[in-house]
mmCIF file of all heavy atoms, coordinates in Angstrom:
data_MODEL
# 
_entry.id   MODEL 
# 
loop_
_atom_site.group_PDB 
_atom_site.id 
_atom_site.type_symbol 
_atom_site.label_atom_id 
_atom_site.label_alt_id 
_atom_site.label_comp_id 
_atom_site.label_asym_id 
_atom_site.label_entity_id 
_atom_site.label_seq_id 
_atom_site.pdbx_PDB_ins_code 
_atom_site.Cartn_x 
_atom_site.Cartn_y 
_atom_site.Cartn_z 
_atom_site.occupancy 
_atom_site.B_iso_or_equiv 
_atom_site.pdbx_formal_charge 
_atom_site.auth_seq_id 
_atom_site.auth_comp_id 
_atom_site.auth_asym_id 
_atom_site.auth_atom_id 
_atom_site.pdbx_PDB_model_num 
ATOM 1   N N   . GLY A 1 1  ? 0.783   -1.182  -0.012 1.00 0.00 ? 1  GLY A N   1 
ATOM 2   C CA  . GLY A 1 1  ? -0.022  0.008   -0.014 1.00 0.00 ? 1  GLY A CA  1 
ATOM 3   C C   . GLY A 1 1  ? 0.807   1.298   0.031  1.00 0.00 ? 1  GLY A C   1 
ATOM 4   O O   . GLY A 1 1  ? 0.266   2.361   -0.091 1.00 0.00 ? 1  GLY A O   1 
ATOM 5   N N   . THR A 1 2  ? 2.146   1.147   0.103  1.00 0.00 ? 2  THR A N   1 
ATOM 6   C CA  . THR A 1 2  ? 2.968   2.329   0.178  1.00 0.00 ? 2  THR A CA  1 
ATOM 7   C C   . THR A 1 2  ? 4.045   2.296   -1.009 1.00 0.00 ? 2  THR A C   1 
ATOM 8   O O   . THR A 1 2  ? 3.755   2.861   -2.037 1.00 0.00 ? 2  THR A O   1 
ATOM 9   C CB  . THR A 1 2  ? 3.777   2.416   1.528  1.00 0.00 ? 2  THR A CB  1 
ATOM 10  O OG1 . THR A 1 2  ? 2.772   2.420   2.609  1.00 0.00 ? 2  THR A OG1 1 
ATOM 11  C CG2 . THR A 1 2  ? 4.616   3.649   1.546  1.00 0.00 ? 2  THR A CG2 1 
ATOM 12  N N   . LEU A 1 3  ? 5.068   1.571   -0.826 1.00 0.00 ? 3  LEU A N   1 
ATOM 13  C CA  . LEU A 1 3  ? 5.992   1.386   -2.009 1.00 0.00 ? 3  LEU A CA  1 
ATOM 14  C C   . LEU A 1 3  ? 5.267   0.632   -3.110 1.00 0.00 ? 3  LEU A C   1 
ATOM 15  O O   . LEU A 1 3  ? 5.391   1.005   -4.283 1.00 0.00 ? 3  LEU A O   1 
ATOM 16  C CB  . LEU A 1 3  ? 7.274   0.719   -1.513 1.00 0.00 ? 3  LEU A CB  1 
ATOM 17  C CG  . LEU A 1 3  ? 8.332   0.548   -2.626 1.00 0.00 ? 3  LEU A CG  1 
ATOM 18  C CD1 . LEU A 1 3  ? 8.880   1.923   -3.065 1.00 0.00 ? 3  LEU A CD1 1 
ATOM 19  C CD2 . LEU A 1 3  ? 9.477   -0.341  -2.148 1.00 0.00 ? 3  LEU A CD2 1 
ATOM 20  N N   . SER A 1 4  ? 4.580   -0.383  -2.709 1.00 0.00 ? 4  SER A N   1 
ATOM 21  C CA  . SER A 1 4  ? 3.832   -1.141  -3.653 1.00 0.00 ? 4  SER A CA  1 
ATOM 22  C C   . SER A 1 4  ? 2.347   -0.763  -3.615 1.00 0.00 ? 4  SER A C   1 
ATOM 23  O O   . SER A 1 4  ? 1.718   -0.749  -2.603 1.00 0.00 ? 4  SER A O   1 
ATOM 24  C CB  . SER A 1 4  ? 3.960   -2.741  -3.345 1.00 0.00 ? 4  SER A CB  1 
ATOM 25  O OG  . SER A 1 4  ? 3.201   -3.474  -4.206 1.00 0.00 ? 4  SER A OG  1 
ATOM 26  N N   . ASP A 1 5  ? 1.828   -0.414  -4.812 1.00 0.00 ? 5  ASP A N   1 
ATOM 27  C CA  . ASP A 1 5  ? 0.409   -0.003  -4.868 1.00 0.00 ? 5  ASP A CA  1 
ATOM 28  C C   . ASP A 1 5  ? -0.450  -1.269  -5.003 1.00 0.00 ? 5  ASP A C   1 
ATOM 29  O O   . ASP A 1 5  ? -1.101  -1.546  -5.990 1.00 0.00 ? 5  ASP A O   1 
ATOM 30  C CB  . ASP A 1 5  ? 0.255   0.902   -6.093 1.00 0.00 ? 5  ASP A CB  1 
ATOM 31  C CG  . ASP A 1 5  ? -1.228  1.406   -6.265 1.00 0.00 ? 5  ASP A CG  1 
ATOM 32  O OD1 . ASP A 1 5  ? -1.990  1.359   -5.244 1.00 0.00 ? 5  ASP A OD1 1 
ATOM 33  O OD2 . ASP A 1 5  ? -1.581  1.816   -7.359 1.00 0.00 ? 5  ASP A OD2 1 
ATOM 34  N N   . ASP A 1 6  ? -0.459  -2.050  -3.941 1.00 0.00 ? 6  ASP A N   1 
ATOM 35  C CA  . ASP A 1 6  ? -1.090  -3.352  -3.908 1.00 0.00 ? 6  ASP A CA  1 
ATOM 36  C C   . ASP A 1 6  ? -2.135  -3.564  -2.843 1.00 0.00 ? 6  ASP A C   1 
ATOM 37  O O   . ASP A 1 6  ? -2.590  -4.643  -2.642 1.00 0.00 ? 6  ASP A O   1 
ATOM 38  C CB  . ASP A 1 6  ? -0.028  -4.440  -3.821 1.00 0.00 ? 6  ASP A CB  1 
ATOM 39  C CG  . ASP A 1 6  ? 0.742   -4.267  -2.454 1.00 0.00 ? 6  ASP A CG  1 
ATOM 40  O OD1 . ASP A 1 6  ? 0.371   -3.431  -1.661 1.00 0.00 ? 6  ASP A OD1 1 
ATOM 41  O OD2 . ASP A 1 6  ? 1.572   -5.154  -2.231 1.00 0.00 ? 6  ASP A OD2 1 
ATOM 42  N N   . GLU A 1 7  ? -2.489  -2.487  -2.070 1.00 0.00 ? 7  GLU A N   1 
ATOM 43  C CA  . GLU A 1 7  ? -3.393  -2.695  -0.985 1.00 0.00 ? 7  GLU A CA  1 
ATOM 44  C C   . GLU A 1 7  ? -4.711  -3.334  -1.387 1.00 0.00 ? 7  GLU A C   1 
ATOM 45  O O   . GLU A 1 7  ? -5.339  -4.179  -0.760 1.00 0.00 ? 7  GLU A O   1 
ATOM 46  C CB  . GLU A 1 7  ? -3.634  -1.434  -0.200 1.00 0.00 ? 7  GLU A CB  1 
ATOM 47  C CG  . GLU A 1 7  ? -4.245  -1.667  1.223  1.00 0.00 ? 7  GLU A CG  1 
ATOM 48  C CD  . GLU A 1 7  ? -3.384  -2.496  2.174  1.00 0.00 ? 7  GLU A CD  1 
ATOM 49  O OE1 . GLU A 1 7  ? -2.194  -2.249  2.250  1.00 0.00 ? 7  GLU A OE1 1 
ATOM 50  O OE2 . GLU A 1 7  ? -3.911  -3.495  2.683  1.00 0.00 ? 7  GLU A OE2 1 
ATOM 51  N N   . GLY A 1 8  ? -5.191  -2.822  -2.518 1.00 0.00 ? 8  GLY A N   1 
ATOM 52  C CA  . GLY A 1 8  ? -6.462  -3.415  -3.056 1.00 0.00 ? 8  GLY A CA  1 
ATOM 53  C C   . GLY A 1 8  ? -6.335  -4.823  -3.454 1.00 0.00 ? 8  GLY A C   1 
ATOM 54  O O   . GLY A 1 8  ? -7.263  -5.641  -3.204 1.00 0.00 ? 8  GLY A O   1 
ATOM 55  N N   . VAL A 1 9  ? -5.179  -5.265  -4.017 1.00 0.00 ? 9  VAL A N   1 
ATOM 56  C CA  . VAL A 1 9  ? -4.934  -6.609  -4.374 1.00 0.00 ? 9  VAL A CA  1 
ATOM 57  C C   . VAL A 1 9  ? -4.827  -7.461  -3.076 1.00 0.00 ? 9  VAL A C   1 
ATOM 58  O O   . VAL A 1 9  ? -5.487  -8.576  -2.968 1.00 0.00 ? 9  VAL A O   1 
ATOM 59  C CB  . VAL A 1 9  ? -3.567  -6.770  -5.123 1.00 0.00 ? 9  VAL A CB  1 
ATOM 60  C CG1 . VAL A 1 9  ? -3.191  -8.210  -5.333 1.00 0.00 ? 9  VAL A CG1 1 
ATOM 61  C CG2 . VAL A 1 9  ? -3.719  -6.033  -6.494 1.00 0.00 ? 9  VAL A CG2 1 
ATOM 62  N N   . LEU A 1 10 ? -4.123  -7.005  -2.101 1.00 0.00 ? 10 LEU A N   1 
ATOM 63  C CA  . LEU A 1 10 ? -4.006  -7.697  -0.789 1.00 0.00 ? 10 LEU A CA  1 
ATOM 64  C C   . LEU A 1 10 ? -5.370  -7.863  -0.093 1.00 0.00 ? 10 LEU A C   1 
ATOM 65  O O   . LEU A 1 10 ? -5.694  -8.899  0.386  1.00 0.00 ? 10 LEU A O   1 
ATOM 66  C CB  . LEU A 1 10 ? -2.999  -7.003  0.085  1.00 0.00 ? 10 LEU A CB  1 
ATOM 67  C CG  . LEU A 1 10 ? -2.657  -7.718  1.400  1.00 0.00 ? 10 LEU A CG  1 
ATOM 68  C CD1 . LEU A 1 10 ? -2.053  -9.058  1.064  1.00 0.00 ? 10 LEU A CD1 1 
ATOM 69  C CD2 . LEU A 1 10 ? -1.668  -6.872  2.176  1.00 0.00 ? 10 LEU A CD2 1 
ATOM 70  N N   . ALA A 1 11 ? -6.159  -6.810  -0.131 1.00 0.00 ? 11 ALA A N   1 
ATOM 71  C CA  . ALA A 1 11 ? -7.468  -6.923  0.526  1.00 0.00 ? 11 ALA A CA  1 
ATOM 72  C C   . ALA A 1 11 ? -8.321  -7.939  -0.200 1.00 0.00 ? 11 ALA A C   1 
ATOM 73  O O   . ALA A 1 11 ? -9.033  -8.717  0.523  1.00 0.00 ? 11 ALA A O   1 
ATOM 74  C CB  . ALA A 1 11 ? -8.144  -5.518  0.470  1.00 0.00 ? 11 ALA A CB  1 
ATOM 75  N N   . ARG A 1 12 ? -8.279  -7.930  -1.497 1.00 0.00 ? 12 ARG A N   1 
ATOM 76  C CA  . ARG A 1 12 ? -9.091  -9.021  -2.231 1.00 0.00 ? 12 ARG A CA  1 
ATOM 77  C C   . ARG A 1 12 ? -8.603  -10.387 -1.939 1.00 0.00 ? 12 ARG A C   1 
ATOM 78  O O   . ARG A 1 12 ? -9.419  -11.293 -1.705 1.00 0.00 ? 12 ARG A O   1 
ATOM 79  C CB  . ARG A 1 12 ? -9.002  -8.684  -3.708 1.00 0.00 ? 12 ARG A CB  1 
ATOM 80  C CG  . ARG A 1 12 ? -9.706  -9.688  -4.592 1.00 0.00 ? 12 ARG A CG  1 
ATOM 81  C CD  . ARG A 1 12 ? -9.616  -9.460  -6.020 1.00 0.00 ? 12 ARG A CD  1 
ATOM 82  N NE  . ARG A 1 12 ? -8.225  -9.257  -6.490 1.00 0.00 ? 12 ARG A NE  1 
ATOM 83  C CZ  . ARG A 1 12 ? -7.350  -10.242 -6.698 1.00 0.00 ? 12 ARG A CZ  1 
ATOM 84  N NH1 . ARG A 1 12 ? -7.687  -11.464 -6.505 1.00 0.00 ? 12 ARG A NH1 1 
ATOM 85  N NH2 . ARG A 1 12 ? -6.182  -10.010 -7.185 1.00 0.00 ? 12 ARG A NH2 1 
ATOM 86  N N   . ILE A 1 13 ? -7.329  -10.567 -1.857 1.00 0.00 ? 13 ILE A N   1 
ATOM 87  C CA  . ILE A 1 13 ? -6.773  -11.863 -1.610 1.00 0.00 ? 13 ILE A CA  1 
ATOM 88  C C   . ILE A 1 13 ? -7.178  -12.326 -0.177 1.00 0.00 ? 13 ILE A C   1 
ATOM 89  O O   . ILE A 1 13 ? -7.548  -13.496 0.000  1.00 0.00 ? 13 ILE A O   1 
ATOM 90  C CB  . ILE A 1 13 ? -5.251  -11.850 -1.728 1.00 0.00 ? 13 ILE A CB  1 
ATOM 91  C CG1 . ILE A 1 13 ? -4.874  -11.740 -3.185 1.00 0.00 ? 13 ILE A CG1 1 
ATOM 92  C CG2 . ILE A 1 13 ? -4.651  -13.180 -1.164 1.00 0.00 ? 13 ILE A CG2 1 
ATOM 93  C CD1 . ILE A 1 13 ? -3.398  -11.511 -3.439 1.00 0.00 ? 13 ILE A CD1 1 
ATOM 94  N N   . VAL A 1 14 ? -7.053  -11.463 0.836  1.00 0.00 ? 14 VAL A N   1 
ATOM 95  C CA  . VAL A 1 14 ? -7.429  -11.768 2.179  1.00 0.00 ? 14 VAL A CA  1 
ATOM 96  C C   . VAL A 1 14 ? -8.877  -12.118 2.289  1.00 0.00 ? 14 VAL A C   1 
ATOM 97  O O   . VAL A 1 14 ? -9.346  -13.123 2.911  1.00 0.00 ? 14 VAL A O   1 
ATOM 98  C CB  . VAL A 1 14 ? -7.045  -10.606 3.157  1.00 0.00 ? 14 VAL A CB  1 
ATOM 99  C CG1 . VAL A 1 14 ? -7.659  -10.898 4.511  1.00 0.00 ? 14 VAL A CG1 1 
ATOM 100 C CG2 . VAL A 1 14 ? -5.558  -10.595 3.279  1.00 0.00 ? 14 VAL A CG2 1 
ATOM 101 N N   . ARG A 1 15 ? -9.771  -11.365 1.663  1.00 0.00 ? 15 ARG A N   1 
ATOM 102 C CA  . ARG A 1 15 ? -11.145 -11.604 1.727  1.00 0.00 ? 15 ARG A CA  1 
ATOM 103 C C   . ARG A 1 15 ? -11.523 -12.850 1.017  1.00 0.00 ? 15 ARG A C   1 
ATOM 104 O O   . ARG A 1 15 ? -12.429 -13.635 1.565  1.00 0.00 ? 15 ARG A O   1 
ATOM 105 C CB  . ARG A 1 15 ? -11.948 -10.372 1.117  1.00 0.00 ? 15 ARG A CB  1 
ATOM 106 C CG  . ARG A 1 15 ? -11.778 -9.065  1.928  1.00 0.00 ? 15 ARG A CG  1 
ATOM 107 C CD  . ARG A 1 15 ? -12.464 -7.876  1.249  1.00 0.00 ? 15 ARG A CD  1 
ATOM 108 N NE  . ARG A 1 15 ? -13.842 -8.085  1.101  1.00 0.00 ? 15 ARG A NE  1 
ATOM 109 C CZ  . ARG A 1 15 ? -14.659 -7.576  0.161  1.00 0.00 ? 15 ARG A CZ  1 
ATOM 110 N NH1 . ARG A 1 15 ? -14.096 -6.703  -0.757 1.00 0.00 ? 15 ARG A NH1 1 
ATOM 111 N NH2 . ARG A 1 15 ? -15.934 -7.787  0.140  1.00 0.00 ? 15 ARG A NH2 1 
ATOM 112 N N   . ASP A 1 16 ? -10.943 -13.144 -0.124 1.00 0.00 ? 16 ASP A N   1 
ATOM 113 C CA  . ASP A 1 16 ? -11.212 -14.418 -0.856 1.00 0.00 ? 16 ASP A CA  1 
ATOM 114 C C   . ASP A 1 16 ? -10.702 -15.591 -0.018 1.00 0.00 ? 16 ASP A C   1 
ATOM 115 O O   . ASP A 1 16 ? -11.408 -16.604 -0.002 1.00 0.00 ? 16 ASP A O   1 
ATOM 116 C CB  . ASP A 1 16 ? -10.523 -14.351 -2.223 1.00 0.00 ? 16 ASP A CB  1 
ATOM 117 C CG  . ASP A 1 16 ? -11.254 -13.445 -3.190 1.00 0.00 ? 16 ASP A CG  1 
ATOM 118 O OD1 . ASP A 1 16 ? -12.370 -12.919 -2.937 1.00 0.00 ? 16 ASP A OD1 1 
ATOM 119 O OD2 . ASP A 1 16 ? -10.685 -13.194 -4.293 1.00 0.00 ? 16 ASP A OD2 1 
ATOM 120 N N   . LEU A 1 17 ? -9.568  -15.408 0.606  1.00 0.00 ? 17 LEU A N   1 
ATOM 121 C CA  . LEU A 1 17 ? -8.994  -16.558 1.338  1.00 0.00 ? 17 LEU A CA  1 
ATOM 122 C C   . LEU A 1 17 ? -9.869  -16.800 2.553  1.00 0.00 ? 17 LEU A C   1 
ATOM 123 O O   . LEU A 1 17 ? -10.122 -17.972 2.914  1.00 0.00 ? 17 LEU A O   1 
ATOM 124 C CB  . LEU A 1 17 ? -7.563  -16.090 1.825  1.00 0.00 ? 17 LEU A CB  1 
ATOM 125 C CG  . LEU A 1 17 ? -6.726  -17.242 2.463  1.00 0.00 ? 17 LEU A CG  1 
ATOM 126 C CD1 . LEU A 1 17 ? -6.461  -18.309 1.496  1.00 0.00 ? 17 LEU A CD1 1 
ATOM 127 C CD2 . LEU A 1 17 ? -5.379  -16.632 2.948  1.00 0.00 ? 17 LEU A CD2 1 
ATOM 128 N N   . ALA A 1 18 ? -10.413 -15.737 3.220  1.00 0.00 ? 18 ALA A N   1 
ATOM 129 C CA  . ALA A 1 18 ? -11.331 -15.945 4.327  1.00 0.00 ? 18 ALA A CA  1 
ATOM 130 C C   . ALA A 1 18 ? -12.530 -16.760 3.958  1.00 0.00 ? 18 ALA A C   1 
ATOM 131 O O   . ALA A 1 18 ? -13.013 -17.653 4.633  1.00 0.00 ? 18 ALA A O   1 
ATOM 132 C CB  . ALA A 1 18 ? -11.621 -14.582 4.917  1.00 0.00 ? 18 ALA A CB  1 
ATOM 133 N N   . ALA A 1 19 ? -13.064 -16.354 2.785  1.00 0.00 ? 19 ALA A N   1 
ATOM 134 C CA  . ALA A 1 19 ? -14.302 -16.978 2.298  1.00 0.00 ? 19 ALA A CA  1 
ATOM 135 C C   . ALA A 1 19 ? -14.050 -18.500 1.846  1.00 0.00 ? 19 ALA A C   1 
ATOM 136 O O   . ALA A 1 19 ? -14.791 -19.451 2.188  1.00 0.00 ? 19 ALA A O   1 
ATOM 137 C CB  . ALA A 1 19 ? -14.943 -16.187 1.159  1.00 0.00 ? 19 ALA A CB  1 
ATOM 138 N N   . ASP A 1 20 ? -12.946 -18.659 1.065  1.00 0.00 ? 20 ASP A N   1 
ATOM 139 C CA  . ASP A 1 20 ? -12.696 -19.971 0.498  1.00 0.00 ? 20 ASP A CA  1 
ATOM 140 C C   . ASP A 1 20 ? -12.261 -20.932 1.482  1.00 0.00 ? 20 ASP A C   1 
ATOM 141 O O   . ASP A 1 20 ? -12.681 -22.127 1.481  1.00 0.00 ? 20 ASP A O   1 
ATOM 142 C CB  . ASP A 1 20 ? -11.629 -19.860 -0.587 1.00 0.00 ? 20 ASP A CB  1 
ATOM 143 C CG  . ASP A 1 20 ? -12.023 -18.936 -1.737 1.00 0.00 ? 20 ASP A CG  1 
ATOM 144 O OD1 . ASP A 1 20 ? -13.199 -18.664 -1.895 1.00 0.00 ? 20 ASP A OD1 1 
ATOM 145 O OD2 . ASP A 1 20 ? -11.158 -18.557 -2.552 1.00 0.00 ? 20 ASP A OD2 1 
ATOM 146 N N   . ARG A 1 21 ? -11.417 -20.574 2.489  1.00 0.00 ? 21 ARG A N   1 
ATOM 147 C CA  . ARG A 1 21 ? -10.889 -21.494 3.407  1.00 0.00 ? 21 ARG A CA  1 
ATOM 148 C C   . ARG A 1 21 ? -11.579 -21.619 4.712  1.00 0.00 ? 21 ARG A C   1 
ATOM 149 O O   . ARG A 1 21 ? -11.499 -22.702 5.355  1.00 0.00 ? 21 ARG A O   1 
ATOM 150 C CB  . ARG A 1 21 ? -9.358  -21.135 3.679  1.00 0.00 ? 21 ARG A CB  1 
ATOM 151 C CG  . ARG A 1 21 ? -8.423  -21.398 2.510  1.00 0.00 ? 21 ARG A CG  1 
ATOM 152 C CD  . ARG A 1 21 ? -8.361  -22.899 2.173  1.00 0.00 ? 21 ARG A CD  1 
ATOM 153 N NE  . ARG A 1 21 ? -7.826  -23.641 3.383  1.00 0.00 ? 21 ARG A NE  1 
ATOM 154 C CZ  . ARG A 1 21 ? -6.555  -23.862 3.625  1.00 0.00 ? 21 ARG A CZ  1 
ATOM 155 N NH1 . ARG A 1 21 ? -5.638  -23.442 2.759  1.00 0.00 ? 21 ARG A NH1 1 
ATOM 156 N NH2 . ARG A 1 21 ? -6.162  -24.539 4.698  1.00 0.00 ? 21 ARG A NH2 1 
ATOM 157 N N   . LEU A 1 22 ? -12.245 -20.482 5.146  1.00 0.00 ? 22 LEU A N   1 
ATOM 158 C CA  . LEU A 1 22 ? -12.822 -20.475 6.484  1.00 0.00 ? 22 LEU A CA  1 
ATOM 159 C C   . LEU A 1 22 ? -14.335 -20.219 6.430  1.00 0.00 ? 22 LEU A C   1 
ATOM 160 O O   . LEU A 1 22 ? -14.940 -20.196 7.510  1.00 0.00 ? 22 LEU A O   1 
ATOM 161 C CB  . LEU A 1 22 ? -12.170 -19.352 7.308  1.00 0.00 ? 22 LEU A CB  1 
ATOM 162 C CG  . LEU A 1 22 ? -10.623 -19.583 7.498  1.00 0.00 ? 22 LEU A CG  1 
ATOM 163 C CD1 . LEU A 1 22 ? -10.096 -18.254 8.163  1.00 0.00 ? 22 LEU A CD1 1 
ATOM 164 C CD2 . LEU A 1 22 ? -10.320 -20.755 8.243  1.00 0.00 ? 22 LEU A CD2 1 
ATOM 165 N N   . GLY A 1 23 ? -14.904 -20.007 5.284  1.00 0.00 ? 23 GLY A N   1 
ATOM 166 C CA  . GLY A 1 23 ? -16.296 -19.744 5.172  1.00 0.00 ? 23 GLY A CA  1 
ATOM 167 C C   . GLY A 1 23 ? -16.714 -18.401 5.832  1.00 0.00 ? 23 GLY A C   1 
ATOM 168 O O   . GLY A 1 23 ? -17.804 -18.240 6.350  1.00 0.00 ? 23 GLY A O   1 
ATOM 169 N N   . LEU A 1 24 ? -15.722 -17.491 5.919  1.00 0.00 ? 24 LEU A N   1 
ATOM 170 C CA  . LEU A 1 24 ? -15.943 -16.218 6.611  1.00 0.00 ? 24 LEU A CA  1 
ATOM 171 C C   . LEU A 1 24 ? -16.051 -15.113 5.576  1.00 0.00 ? 24 LEU A C   1 
ATOM 172 O O   . LEU A 1 24 ? -15.205 -14.850 4.762  1.00 0.00 ? 24 LEU A O   1 
ATOM 173 C CB  . LEU A 1 24 ? -14.664 -15.962 7.475  1.00 0.00 ? 24 LEU A CB  1 
ATOM 174 C CG  . LEU A 1 24 ? -14.649 -14.835 8.479  1.00 0.00 ? 24 LEU A CG  1 
ATOM 175 C CD1 . LEU A 1 24 ? -15.684 -15.062 9.532  1.00 0.00 ? 24 LEU A CD1 1 
ATOM 176 C CD2 . LEU A 1 24 ? -13.280 -14.706 9.078  1.00 0.00 ? 24 LEU A CD2 1 
ATOM 177 N N   . GLN A 1 25 ? -17.203 -14.428 5.722  1.00 0.00 ? 25 GLN A N   1 
ATOM 178 C CA  . GLN A 1 25 ? -17.451 -13.272 4.858  1.00 0.00 ? 25 GLN A CA  1 
ATOM 179 C C   . GLN A 1 25 ? -16.922 -11.944 5.511  1.00 0.00 ? 25 GLN A C   1 
ATOM 180 O O   . GLN A 1 25 ? -17.436 -11.576 6.561  1.00 0.00 ? 25 GLN A O   1 
ATOM 181 C CB  . GLN A 1 25 ? -19.019 -13.158 4.597  1.00 0.00 ? 25 GLN A CB  1 
ATOM 182 C CG  . GLN A 1 25 ? -19.616 -14.378 3.964  1.00 0.00 ? 25 GLN A CG  1 
ATOM 183 C CD  . GLN A 1 25 ? -18.937 -14.798 2.613  1.00 0.00 ? 25 GLN A CD  1 
ATOM 184 O OE1 . GLN A 1 25 ? -18.697 -13.842 1.792  1.00 0.00 ? 25 GLN A OE1 1 
ATOM 185 N NE2 . GLN A 1 25 ? -18.620 -16.032 2.401  1.00 0.00 ? 25 GLN A NE2 1 
ATOM 186 N N   . LEU A 1 26 ? -15.973 -11.401 4.829  1.00 0.00 ? 26 LEU A N   1 
ATOM 187 C CA  . LEU A 1 26 ? -15.324 -10.231 5.378  1.00 0.00 ? 26 LEU A CA  1 
ATOM 188 C C   . LEU A 1 26 ? -15.591 -9.109  4.425  1.00 0.00 ? 26 LEU A C   1 
ATOM 189 O O   . LEU A 1 26 ? -15.188 -9.194  3.245  1.00 0.00 ? 26 LEU A O   1 
ATOM 190 C CB  . LEU A 1 26 ? -13.770 -10.497 5.501  1.00 0.00 ? 26 LEU A CB  1 
ATOM 191 C CG  . LEU A 1 26 ? -12.957 -9.425  6.212  1.00 0.00 ? 26 LEU A CG  1 
ATOM 192 C CD1 . LEU A 1 26 ? -13.170 -9.407  7.715  1.00 0.00 ? 26 LEU A CD1 1 
ATOM 193 C CD2 . LEU A 1 26 ? -11.447 -9.709  5.931  1.00 0.00 ? 26 LEU A CD2 1 
# 
C-alpha cells in the first residue's frame, strides 16, 4: 500500500481466502 500499490490486491486476496478456506465473509 506504500511502496507497492497493492493494498487493493492484498485486501481482495485476504477476503477471498477468508471465504474460500474459512467460510468467513469479510
